[in-house]
């Protein structure tokens, strides 16, 4: 059976999703995401202060 690249990518995405759900079970992802977003925004403000001012 021949699979196209889209099917293969979808299978890989599904496997990645499954593994992440399994490995991150019980972890507060929203908290981690918020912390990362805050850190990135602060770094961007410092790096691009002249543009963002």
PDB file of N, CA and C in Angstrom:
ATOM      1  N   UNK A   1       0.840  -1.182   0.000  1.00  0.00           N
ATOM      2  CA  UNK A   1       0.000   0.000   0.000  1.00  0.00           C
ATOM      3  C   UNK A   1       0.883   1.243   0.000  1.00  0.00           C
ATOM      4  N   UNK A   2       0.602   2.133  -0.903  1.00  0.00           N
ATOM      5  CA  UNK A   2       1.393   3.354  -1.048  1.00  0.00           C
ATOM      6  C   UNK A   2       0.740   4.469  -0.233  1.00  0.00           C
ATOM      7  N   UNK A   3       1.560   5.202   0.540  1.00  0.00           N
ATOM      8  CA  UNK A   3       1.039   6.351   1.288  1.00  0.00           C
ATOM      9  C   UNK A   3       1.662   7.613   0.739  1.00  0.00           C
ATOM     10  N   UNK A   4       0.862   8.660   0.663  1.00  0.00           N
ATOM     11  CA  UNK A   4       1.414   9.931   0.207  1.00  0.00           C
ATOM     12  C   UNK A   4       2.019  10.668   1.394  1.00  0.00           C
ATOM     13  N   UNK A   5       2.712  11.749   1.144  1.00  0.00           N
ATOM     14  CA  UNK A   5       3.402  12.469   2.215  1.00  0.00           C
ATOM     15  C   UNK A   5       2.422  13.049   3.223  1.00  0.00           C
ATOM     16  N   UNK A   6       1.225  13.421   2.761  1.00  0.00           N
ATOM     17  CA  UNK A   6       0.218  13.959   3.688  1.00  0.00           C
ATOM     18  C   UNK A   6      -0.187  12.897   4.701  1.00  0.00           C
ATOM     19  N   UNK A   7      -0.442  11.681   4.240  1.00  0.00           N
ATOM     20  CA  UNK A   7      -0.839  10.601   5.139  1.00  0.00           C
ATOM     21  C   UNK A   7       0.259  10.305   6.139  1.00  0.00           C
ATOM     22  N   UNK A   8       1.489  10.276   5.669  1.00  0.00           N
ATOM     23  CA  UNK A   8       2.621   9.997   6.552  1.00  0.00           C
ATOM     24  C   UNK A   8       2.756  11.099   7.596  1.00  0.00           C
ATOM     25  N   UNK A   9       2.625  12.357   7.170  1.00  0.00           N
ATOM     26  CA  UNK A   9       2.723  13.477   8.102  1.00  0.00           C
ATOM     27  C   UNK A   9       1.607  13.399   9.134  1.00  0.00           C
ATOM     28  N   UNK A  10       0.411  13.040   8.711  1.00  0.00           N
ATOM     29  CA  UNK A  10      -0.719  12.932   9.627  1.00  0.00           C
ATOM     30  C   UNK A  10      -0.465  11.819  10.630  1.00  0.00           C
ATOM     31  N   UNK A  11       0.053  10.701  10.176  1.00  0.00           N
ATOM     32  CA  UNK A  11       0.366   9.612  11.090  1.00  0.00           C
ATOM     33  C   UNK A  11       1.425  10.046  12.097  1.00  0.00           C
ATOM     34  N   UNK A  12       2.435  10.740  11.620  1.00  0.00           N
ATOM     35  CA  UNK A  12       3.476  11.208  12.523  1.00  0.00           C
ATOM     36  C   UNK A  12       2.904  12.207  13.521  1.00  0.00           C
ATOM     37  N   UNK A  13       2.034  13.092  13.067  1.00  0.00           N
ATOM     38  CA  UNK A  13       1.422  14.069  13.960  1.00  0.00           C
ATOM     39  C   UNK A  13       0.583  13.365  15.018  1.00  0.00           C
ATOM     40  N   UNK A  14      -0.173  12.374  14.597  1.00  0.00           N
ATOM     41  CA  UNK A  14      -0.997  11.634  15.549  1.00  0.00           C
ATOM     42  C   UNK A  14      -0.146  10.905  16.579  1.00  0.00           C
ATOM     43  N   UNK A  15       0.962  10.344  16.152  1.00  0.00           N
ATOM     44  CA  UNK A  15       1.859   9.647  17.078  1.00  0.00           C
ATOM     45  C   UNK A  15       2.498  10.631  18.053  1.00  0.00           C
ATOM     46  N   UNK A  16       2.908  11.782  17.557  1.00  0.00           N
ATOM     47  CA  UNK A  16       3.481  12.814  18.426  1.00  0.00           C
ATOM     48  C   UNK A  16       2.448  13.257  19.453  1.00  0.00           C
ATOM     49  N   UNK A  17       1.228  13.474  18.993  1.00  0.00           N
ATOM     50  CA  UNK A  17       0.157  13.887  19.901  1.00  0.00           C
ATOM     51  C   UNK A  17      -0.078  12.831  20.975  1.00  0.00           C
ATOM     52  N   UNK A  18      -0.132  11.576  20.587  1.00  0.00           N
ATOM     53  CA  UNK A  18      -0.358  10.490  21.532  1.00  0.00           C
ATOM     54  C   UNK A  18       0.748  10.442  22.585  1.00  0.00           C
ATOM     55  N   UNK A  19       1.980  10.543  22.120  1.00  0.00           N
ATOM     56  CA  UNK A  19       3.113  10.485  23.049  1.00  0.00           C
ATOM     57  C   UNK A  19       3.127  11.680  24.009  1.00  0.00           C
ATOM     58  N   UNK A  20       2.834  12.867  23.481  1.00  0.00           N
ATOM     59  CA  UNK A  20       2.796  14.053  24.341  1.00  0.00           C
ATOM     60  C   UNK A  20       1.713  13.931  25.398  1.00  0.00           C
ATOM     61  N   UNK A  21       0.532  13.481  24.993  1.00  0.00           N
ATOM     62  CA  UNK A  21      -0.558  13.313  25.956  1.00  0.00           C
ATOM     63  C   UNK A  21      -0.166  12.331  27.054  1.00  0.00           C
ATOM     64  N   UNK A  22       0.496  11.252  26.653  1.00  0.00           N
ATOM     65  CA  UNK A  22       0.918  10.234  27.609  1.00  0.00           C
ATOM     66  C   UNK A  22       1.985  10.783  28.560  1.00  0.00           C
ATOM     67  N   UNK A  23       2.990  11.431  28.007  1.00  0.00           N
ATOM     68  CA  UNK A  23       4.111  11.918  28.815  1.00  0.00           C
ATOM     69  C   UNK A  23       3.743  13.107  29.690  1.00  0.00           C
ATOM     70  N   UNK A  24       2.773  13.911  29.252  1.00  0.00           N
ATOM     71  CA  UNK A  24       2.427  15.126  29.982  1.00  0.00           C
ATOM     72  C   UNK A  24       1.165  14.974  30.834  1.00  0.00           C
ATOM     73  N   UNK A  25       0.692  13.754  30.970  1.00  0.00           N
ATOM     74  CA  UNK A  25      -0.508  13.504  31.758  1.00  0.00           C
ATOM     75  C   UNK A  25      -0.284  14.003  33.188  1.00  0.00           C
ATOM     76  N   UNK A  26      -1.215  14.822  33.669  1.00  0.00           N
ATOM     77  CA  UNK A  26      -1.125  15.339  35.027  1.00  0.00           C
ATOM     78  C   UNK A  26      -0.310  16.613  35.167  1.00  0.00           C
ATOM     79  N   UNK A  27       0.259  17.115  34.084  1.00  0.00           N
ATOM     80  CA  UNK A  27       1.065  18.330  34.127  1.00  0.00           C
ATOM     81  C   UNK A  27       0.210  19.505  33.654  1.00  0.00           C
ATOM     82  N   UNK A  28       0.320  20.636  34.338  1.00  0.00           N
ATOM     83  CA  UNK A  28      -0.466  21.820  33.995  1.00  0.00           C
ATOM     84  C   UNK A  28       0.177  22.539  32.802  1.00  0.00           C
ATOM     85  N   UNK A  29      -0.241  22.161  31.609  1.00  0.00           N
ATOM     86  CA  UNK A  29       0.313  22.715  30.373  1.00  0.00           C
ATOM     87  C   UNK A  29      -0.004  24.201  30.242  1.00  0.00           C
ATOM     88  N   UNK A  30      -1.193  24.610  30.669  1.00  0.00           N
ATOM     89  CA  UNK A  30      -1.569  26.021  30.569  1.00  0.00           C
ATOM     90  C   UNK A  30      -0.616  26.903  31.367  1.00  0.00           C
ATOM     91  N   UNK A  31      -0.205  26.446  32.529  1.00  0.00           N
ATOM     92  CA  UNK A  31       0.733  27.208  33.354  1.00  0.00           C
ATOM     93  C   UNK A  31       2.090  27.329  32.656  1.00  0.00           C
ATOM     94  N   UNK A  32       2.572  26.218  32.134  1.00  0.00           N
ATOM     95  CA  UNK A  32       3.862  26.218  31.432  1.00  0.00           C
ATOM     96  C   UNK A  32       3.791  27.130  30.213  1.00  0.00           C
ATOM     97  N   UNK A  33       2.716  27.023  29.450  1.00  0.00           N
ATOM     98  CA  UNK A  33       2.535  27.848  28.250  1.00  0.00           C
ATOM     99  C   UNK A  33       2.520  29.329  28.599  1.00  0.00           C
ATOM    100  N   UNK A  34       1.819  29.670  29.659  1.00  0.00           N
ATOM    101  CA  UNK A  34       1.742  31.067  30.095  1.00  0.00           C
ATOM    102  C   UNK A  34       3.118  31.598  30.491  1.00  0.00           C
ATOM    103  N   UNK A  35       3.878  30.790  31.223  1.00  0.00           N
ATOM    104  CA  UNK A  35       5.224  31.200  31.639  1.00  0.00           C
ATOM    105  C   UNK A  35       6.140  31.405  30.440  1.00  0.00           C
ATOM    106  N   UNK A  36       6.074  30.495  29.487  1.00  0.00           N
ATOM    107  CA  UNK A  36       6.912  30.615  28.284  1.00  0.00           C
ATOM    108  C   UNK A  36       6.512  31.848  27.491  1.00  0.00           C
ATOM    109  N   UNK A  37       5.211  32.056  27.332  1.00  0.00           N
ATOM    110  CA  UNK A  37       4.716  33.215  26.581  1.00  0.00           C
ATOM    111  C   UNK A  37       5.194  34.510  27.228  1.00  0.00           C
ATOM    112  N   UNK A  38       5.111  34.584  28.556  1.00  0.00           N
ATOM    113  CA  UNK A  38       5.564  35.773  29.287  1.00  0.00           C
ATOM    114  C   UNK A  38       7.061  35.994  29.078  1.00  0.00           C
ATOM    115  N   UNK A  39       7.823  34.928  29.179  1.00  0.00           N
ATOM    116  CA  UNK A  39       9.277  35.020  29.004  1.00  0.00           C
ATOM    117  C   UNK A  39       9.639  35.486  27.592  1.00  0.00           C
ATOM    118  N   UNK A  40       8.971  34.954  26.598  1.00  0.00           N
ATOM    119  CA  UNK A  40       9.237  35.332  25.208  1.00  0.00           C
ATOM    120  C   UNK A  40       8.849  36.794  24.975  1.00  0.00           C
ATOM    121  N   UNK A  41       7.709  37.197  25.494  1.00  0.00           N
ATOM    122  CA  UNK A  41       7.268  38.585  25.326  1.00  0.00           C
ATOM    123  C   UNK A  41       8.235  39.562  25.981  1.00  0.00           C
ATOM    124  N   UNK A  42       8.736  39.230  27.171  1.00  0.00           N
ATOM    125  CA  UNK A  42       9.701  40.104  27.849  1.00  0.00           C
ATOM    126  C   UNK A  42      11.002  40.204  27.057  1.00  0.00           C
ATOM    127  N   UNK A  43      11.461  39.079  26.527  1.00  0.00           N
ATOM    128  CA  UNK A  43      12.687  39.085  25.723  1.00  0.00           C
ATOM    129  C   UNK A  43      12.495  39.909  24.460  1.00  0.00           C
ATOM    130  N   UNK A  44      11.332  39.787  23.831  1.00  0.00           N
ATOM    131  CA  UNK A  44      11.045  40.547  22.612  1.00  0.00           C
ATOM    132  C   UNK A  44      11.002  42.046  22.904  1.00  0.00           C
ATOM    133  N   UNK A  45      10.400  42.409  24.023  1.00  0.00           N
ATOM    134  CA  UNK A  45      10.317  43.838  24.394  1.00  0.00           C
ATOM    135  C   UNK A  45      11.713  44.425  24.579  1.00  0.00           C
ATOM    136  N   UNK A  46      12.622  43.657  25.192  1.00  0.00           N
ATOM    137  CA  UNK A  46      13.989  44.128  25.395  1.00  0.00           C
ATOM    138  C   UNK A  46      14.732  44.221  24.074  1.00  0.00           C
ATOM    139  N   UNK A  47      14.597  43.194  23.256  1.00  0.00           N
ATOM    140  CA  UNK A  47      15.353  43.135  21.996  1.00  0.00           C
ATOM    141  C   UNK A  47      14.861  44.165  20.985  1.00  0.00           C
ATOM    142  N   UNK A  48      13.533  44.405  20.984  1.00  0.00           N
ATOM    143  CA  UNK A  48      12.950  45.287  19.985  1.00  0.00           C
ATOM    144  C   UNK A  48      12.322  46.525  20.620  1.00  0.00           C
ATOM    145  N   UNK A  49      12.929  47.007  21.688  1.00  0.00           N
ATOM    146  CA  UNK A  49      12.384  48.152  22.426  1.00  0.00           C
ATOM    147  C   UNK A  49      12.175  49.371  21.530  1.00  0.00           C
ATOM    148  N   UNK A  50      13.116  49.654  20.674  1.00  0.00           N
ATOM    149  CA  UNK A  50      13.023  50.838  19.801  1.00  0.00           C
ATOM    150  C   UNK A  50      11.857  50.723  18.821  1.00  0.00           C
ATOM    151  N   UNK A  51      11.598  49.533  18.353  1.00  0.00           N
ATOM    152  CA  UNK A  51      10.529  49.319  17.377  1.00  0.00           C
ATOM    153  C   UNK A  51       9.175  49.337  18.081  1.00  0.00           C
ATOM    154  N   UNK A  52       9.110  48.761  19.257  1.00  0.00           N
ATOM    155  CA  UNK A  52       7.833  48.609  19.970  1.00  0.00           C
ATOM    156  C   UNK A  52       7.434  49.841  20.769  1.00  0.00           C
ATOM    157  N   UNK A  53       8.348  50.784  20.932  1.00  0.00           N
ATOM    158  CA  UNK A  53       8.049  51.976  21.742  1.00  0.00           C
ATOM    159  C   UNK A  53       7.149  52.943  21.041  1.00  0.00           C
TER     160      UNK A  53
END
